[in-house]
PDB file of N, CA and C in Angstrom:
ATOM      1  N   MET A   1       0.836  -1.192   0.000  1.00  0.00           N
ATOM      2  CA  MET A   1       0.000   0.000   0.000  1.00  0.00           C
ATOM      3  C   MET A   1       0.878   1.251   0.000  1.00  0.00           C
ATOM      4  N   ASN A   2       0.377   2.241  -0.621  1.00  0.00           N
ATOM      5  CA  ASN A   2       1.050   3.529  -0.650  1.00  0.00           C
ATOM      6  C   ASN A   2       0.862   4.226   0.699  1.00  0.00           C
ATOM      7  N   ILE A   3       1.851   4.972   1.168  1.00  0.00           N
ATOM      8  CA  ILE A   3       1.788   5.646   2.457  1.00  0.00           C
ATOM      9  C   ILE A   3       0.647   6.665   2.511  1.00  0.00           C
ATOM     10  N   GLN A   4       0.318   7.283   1.384  1.00  0.00           N
ATOM     11  CA  GLN A   4      -0.784   8.244   1.344  1.00  0.00           C
ATOM     12  C   GLN A   4      -2.124   7.553   1.578  1.00  0.00           C
ATOM     13  N   VAL A   5      -2.285   6.367   1.032  1.00  0.00           N
ATOM     14  CA  VAL A   5      -3.527   5.615   1.240  1.00  0.00           C
ATOM     15  C   VAL A   5      -3.652   5.219   2.701  1.00  0.00           C
ATOM     16  N   VAL A   6      -2.555   4.822   3.316  1.00  0.00           N
ATOM     17  CA  VAL A   6      -2.575   4.439   4.728  1.00  0.00           C
ATOM     18  C   VAL A   6      -2.966   5.639   5.596  1.00  0.00           C
ATOM     19  N   ILE A   7      -2.415   6.796   5.302  1.00  0.00           N
ATOM     20  CA  ILE A   7      -2.751   8.000   6.065  1.00  0.00           C
ATOM     21  C   ILE A   7      -4.220   8.361   5.900  1.00  0.00           C
ATOM     22  N   VAL A   8      -4.741   8.265   4.689  1.00  0.00           N
ATOM     23  CA  VAL A   8      -6.156   8.576   4.442  1.00  0.00           C
ATOM     24  C   VAL A   8      -7.056   7.590   5.179  1.00  0.00           C
ATOM     25  N   VAL A   9      -6.701   6.315   5.163  1.00  0.00           N
ATOM     26  CA  VAL A   9      -7.510   5.305   5.857  1.00  0.00           C
ATOM     27  C   VAL A   9      -7.495   5.563   7.361  1.00  0.00           C
ATOM     28  N   ILE A  10      -6.332   5.898   7.920  1.00  0.00           N
ATOM     29  CA  ILE A  10      -6.248   6.196   9.356  1.00  0.00           C
ATOM     30  C   ILE A  10      -7.092   7.418   9.706  1.00  0.00           C
ATOM     31  N   LEU A  11      -7.028   8.454   8.897  1.00  0.00           N
ATOM     32  CA  LEU A  11      -7.838   9.652   9.149  1.00  0.00           C
ATOM     33  C   LEU A  11      -9.332   9.355   9.037  1.00  0.00           C
ATOM     34  N   PHE A  12      -9.707   8.524   8.060  1.00  0.00           N
ATOM     35  CA  PHE A  12     -11.113   8.166   7.897  1.00  0.00           C
ATOM     36  C   PHE A  12     -11.614   7.377   9.104  1.00  0.00           C
ATOM     37  N   VAL A  13     -10.826   6.433   9.583  1.00  0.00           N
ATOM     38  CA  VAL A  13     -11.220   5.631  10.743  1.00  0.00           C
ATOM     39  C   VAL A  13     -11.318   6.515  11.985  1.00  0.00           C
ATOM     40  N   ALA A  14     -10.380   7.445  12.148  1.00  0.00           N
ATOM     41  CA  ALA A  14     -10.429   8.353  13.293  1.00  0.00           C
ATOM     42  C   ALA A  14     -11.664   9.249  13.234  1.00  0.00           C
ATOM     43  N   ALA A  15     -11.997   9.752  12.051  1.00  0.00           N
ATOM     44  CA  ALA A  15     -13.188  10.598  11.905  1.00  0.00           C
ATOM     45  C   ALA A  15     -14.462   9.802  12.170  1.00  0.00           C
ATOM     46  N   ALA A  16     -14.519   8.579  11.680  1.00  0.00           N
ATOM     47  CA  ALA A  16     -15.694   7.730  11.910  1.00  0.00           C
ATOM     48  C   ALA A  16     -15.843   7.411  13.397  1.00  0.00           C
ATOM     49  N   ALA A  17     -14.732   7.158  14.084  1.00  0.00           N
ATOM     50  CA  ALA A  17     -14.785   6.883  15.523  1.00  0.00           C
ATOM     51  C   ALA A  17     -15.248   8.124  16.288  1.00  0.00           C
ATOM     52  N   TYR A  18     -14.773   9.284  15.883  1.00  0.00           N
ATOM     53  CA  TYR A  18     -15.177  10.539  16.531  1.00  0.00           C
ATOM     54  C   TYR A  18     -16.676  10.773  16.367  1.00  0.00           C
ATOM     55  N   LEU A  19     -17.180  10.605  15.154  1.00  0.00           N
ATOM     56  CA  LEU A  19     -18.613  10.798  14.915  1.00  0.00           C
ATOM     57  C   LEU A  19     -19.447   9.755  15.644  1.00  0.00           C
ATOM     58  N   GLY A  20     -18.967   8.523  15.650  1.00  0.00           N
ATOM     59  CA  GLY A  20     -19.682   7.469  16.369  1.00  0.00           C
ATOM     60  C   GLY A  20     -19.747   7.733  17.853  1.00  0.00           C
ATOM     61  N   ARG A  21     -18.649   8.214  18.423  1.00  0.00           N
ATOM     62  CA  ARG A  21     -18.621   8.523  19.853  1.00  0.00           C
ATOM     63  C   ARG A  21     -19.588   9.660  20.172  1.00  0.00           C
ATOM     64  N   ASN A  22     -19.591  10.707  19.346  1.00  0.00           N
ATOM     65  CA  ASN A  22     -20.515  11.823  19.571  1.00  0.00           C
ATOM     66  C   ASN A  22     -21.969  11.383  19.438  1.00  0.00           C
ATOM     67  N   MET A  23     -22.255  10.530  18.465  1.00  0.00           N
ATOM     68  CA  MET A  23     -23.620  10.035  18.289  1.00  0.00           C
ATOM     69  C   MET A  23     -24.035   9.187  19.482  1.00  0.00           C
ATOM     70  N   TYR A  24     -23.135   8.350  19.974  1.00  0.00           N
ATOM     71  CA  TYR A  24     -23.438   7.514  21.133  1.00  0.00           C
ATOM     72  C   TYR A  24     -23.713   8.380  22.361  1.00  0.00           C
ATOM     73  N   LYS A  25     -22.878   9.404  22.576  1.00  0.00           N
ATOM     74  CA  LYS A  25     -23.073  10.281  23.725  1.00  0.00           C
ATOM     75  C   LYS A  25     -24.382  11.044  23.625  1.00  0.00           C
ATOM     76  N   THR A  26     -24.804  11.381  22.414  1.00  0.00           N
ATOM     77  CA  THR A  26     -26.060  12.097  22.227  1.00  0.00           C
ATOM     78  C   THR A  26     -27.258  11.188  22.474  1.00  0.00           C
ATOM     79  N   LEU A  27     -27.214   9.988  21.955  1.00  0.00           N
ATOM     80  CA  LEU A  27     -28.357   9.085  22.062  1.00  0.00           C
ATOM     81  C   LEU A  27     -28.466   8.424  23.426  1.00  0.00           C
ATOM     82  N   PHE A  28     -27.357   8.157  24.059  1.00  0.00           N
ATOM     83  CA  PHE A  28     -27.362   7.452  25.336  1.00  0.00           C
ATOM     84  C   PHE A  28     -26.739   8.316  26.420  1.00  0.00           C
ATOM     85  N   ALA A  29     -27.275   9.509  26.580  1.00  0.00           N
ATOM     86  CA  ALA A  29     -26.745  10.446  27.572  1.00  0.00           C
ATOM     87  C   ALA A  29     -27.044   9.935  28.969  1.00  0.00           C
ATOM     88  N   LYS A  30     -26.193  10.319  29.910  1.00  0.00           N
ATOM     89  CA  LYS A  30     -26.398   9.941  31.298  1.00  0.00           C
ATOM     90  C   LYS A  30     -27.652  10.609  31.829  1.00  0.00           C
ATOM     91  N   LYS A  31     -28.281   9.953  32.749  1.00  0.00           N
ATOM     92  CA  LYS A  31     -29.429  10.549  33.412  1.00  0.00           C
ATOM     93  C   LYS A  31     -28.925  11.507  34.483  1.00  0.00           C
ATOM     94  N   GLY A  32     -29.637  12.580  34.689  1.00  0.00           N
ATOM     95  CA  GLY A  32     -29.273  13.502  35.743  1.00  0.00           C
ATOM     96  C   GLY A  32     -28.577  14.734  35.218  1.00  0.00           C
ATOM     97  N   CYS A  33     -27.930  15.397  36.121  1.00  0.00           N
ATOM     98  CA  CYS A  33     -27.352  16.702  35.833  1.00  0.00           C
ATOM     99  C   CYS A  33     -25.931  16.599  35.310  1.00  0.00           C
ATOM    100  N   GLY A  34     -25.578  17.603  34.545  1.00  0.00           N
ATOM    101  CA  GLY A  34     -24.198  17.779  34.154  1.00  0.00           C
ATOM    102  C   GLY A  34     -23.511  18.667  35.174  1.00  0.00           C
ATOM    103  N   THR A  35     -22.351  19.139  34.863  1.00  0.00           N
ATOM    104  CA  THR A  35     -21.647  20.001  35.798  1.00  0.00           C
ATOM    105  C   THR A  35     -22.197  21.416  35.703  1.00  0.00           C
ATOM    106  N   ASN A  36     -22.325  22.035  36.854  1.00  0.00           N
ATOM    107  CA  ASN A  36     -22.724  23.436  36.969  1.00  0.00           C
ATOM    108  C   ASN A  36     -24.092  23.728  36.358  1.00  0.00           C
ATOM    109  N   CYS A  37     -25.056  22.822  36.534  1.00  0.00           N
ATOM    110  CA  CYS A  37     -26.382  23.058  35.955  1.00  0.00           C
ATOM    111  C   CYS A  37     -27.347  23.670  36.959  1.00  0.00           C
ATOM    112  N   LYS A  38     -27.001  23.666  38.236  1.00  0.00           N
ATOM    113  CA  LYS A  38     -27.810  24.255  39.302  1.00  0.00           C
ATOM    114  C   LYS A  38     -29.179  23.588  39.449  1.00  0.00           C
ATOM    115  N   CYS A  39     -29.249  22.294  39.183  1.00  0.00           N
ATOM    116  CA  CYS A  39     -30.512  21.577  39.332  1.00  0.00           C
ATOM    117  C   CYS A  39     -30.901  21.430  40.802  1.00  0.00           C
ATOM    118  N   GLY A  40     -29.927  21.401  41.686  1.00  0.00           N
ATOM    119  CA  GLY A  40     -30.205  21.214  43.099  1.00  0.00           C
ATOM    120  C   GLY A  40     -30.550  22.493  43.830  1.00  0.00           C
ATOM    121  N   VAL A  41     -30.660  23.617  43.146  1.00  0.00           N
ATOM    122  CA  VAL A  41     -30.942  24.889  43.787  1.00  0.00           C
ATOM    123  C   VAL A  41     -32.433  24.965  44.113  1.00  0.00           C
ATOM    124  N   ASP A  42     -32.741  25.407  45.321  1.00  0.00           N
ATOM    125  CA  ASP A  42     -34.126  25.543  45.764  1.00  0.00           C
ATOM    126  C   ASP A  42     -34.629  26.942  45.416  1.00  0.00           C
ATOM    127  N   PHE A  43     -35.564  27.025  44.483  1.00  0.00           N
ATOM    128  CA  PHE A  43     -36.123  28.301  44.054  1.00  0.00           C
ATOM    129  C   PHE A  43     -37.476  28.582  44.697  1.00  0.00           C
ATOM    130  N   SER A  44     -37.835  27.883  45.765  1.00  0.00           N
ATOM    131  CA  SER A  44     -39.161  28.056  46.360  1.00  0.00           C
ATOM    132  C   SER A  44     -39.315  29.428  47.033  1.00  0.00           C
ATOM    133  N   ASN A  45     -38.237  30.053  47.474  1.00  0.00           N
ATOM    134  CA  ASN A  45     -38.328  31.357  48.134  1.00  0.00           C
ATOM    135  C   ASN A  45     -38.212  32.528  47.169  1.00  0.00           C
ATOM    136  N   VAL A  46     -38.038  32.277  45.911  1.00  0.00           N
ATOM    137  CA  VAL A  46     -37.903  33.345  44.923  1.00  0.00           C
ATOM    138  C   VAL A  46     -39.278  33.839  44.529  1.00  0.00           C
ATOM    139  N   GLN A  47     -39.466  35.142  44.592  1.00  0.00           N
ATOM    140  CA  GLN A  47     -40.759  35.713  44.235  1.00  0.00           C
ATOM    141  C   GLN A  47     -40.679  36.230  42.804  1.00  0.00           C
ATOM    142  N   PRO A  48     -41.592  35.816  41.946  1.00  0.00           N
ATOM    143  CA  PRO A  48     -41.555  36.272  40.560  1.00  0.00           C
ATOM    144  C   PRO A  48     -41.877  37.764  40.449  1.00  0.00           C
ATOM    145  N   GLY A  49     -41.239  38.427  39.513  1.00  0.00           N
ATOM    146  CA  GLY A  49     -41.501  39.831  39.249  1.00  0.00           C
ATOM    147  C   GLY A  49     -40.715  40.798  40.122  1.00  0.00           C
ATOM    148  N   LYS A  50     -39.895  40.314  41.026  1.00  0.00           N
ATOM    149  CA  LYS A  50     -39.104  41.178  41.902  1.00  0.00           C
ATOM    150  C   LYS A  50     -37.678  41.205  41.392  1.00  0.00           C
ATOM    151  N   HIS A  51     -37.372  42.103  40.471  1.00  0.00           N
ATOM    152  CA  HIS A  51     -36.033  42.231  39.911  1.00  0.00           C
ATOM    153  C   HIS A  51     -35.338  43.436  40.522  1.00  0.00           C
ATOM    154  N   LYS A  52     -34.032  43.373  40.607  1.00  0.00           N
ATOM    155  CA  LYS A  52     -33.262  44.508  41.119  1.00  0.00           C
ATOM    156  C   LYS A  52     -33.033  45.518  40.041  1.00  0.00           C
TER     157      LYS A  52
END
């Protein structure tokens, strides 16, 4: 095989793996919160319409 063909095949496999990983992460996302999402913040004491 020519070295250029080997490089192209390696790049193609790397790109396919990258896209596959992103698709997997999108379709099978973890349940729950990510980092810094503030899901655990208690907003029960916040009064609507009171802005500074």
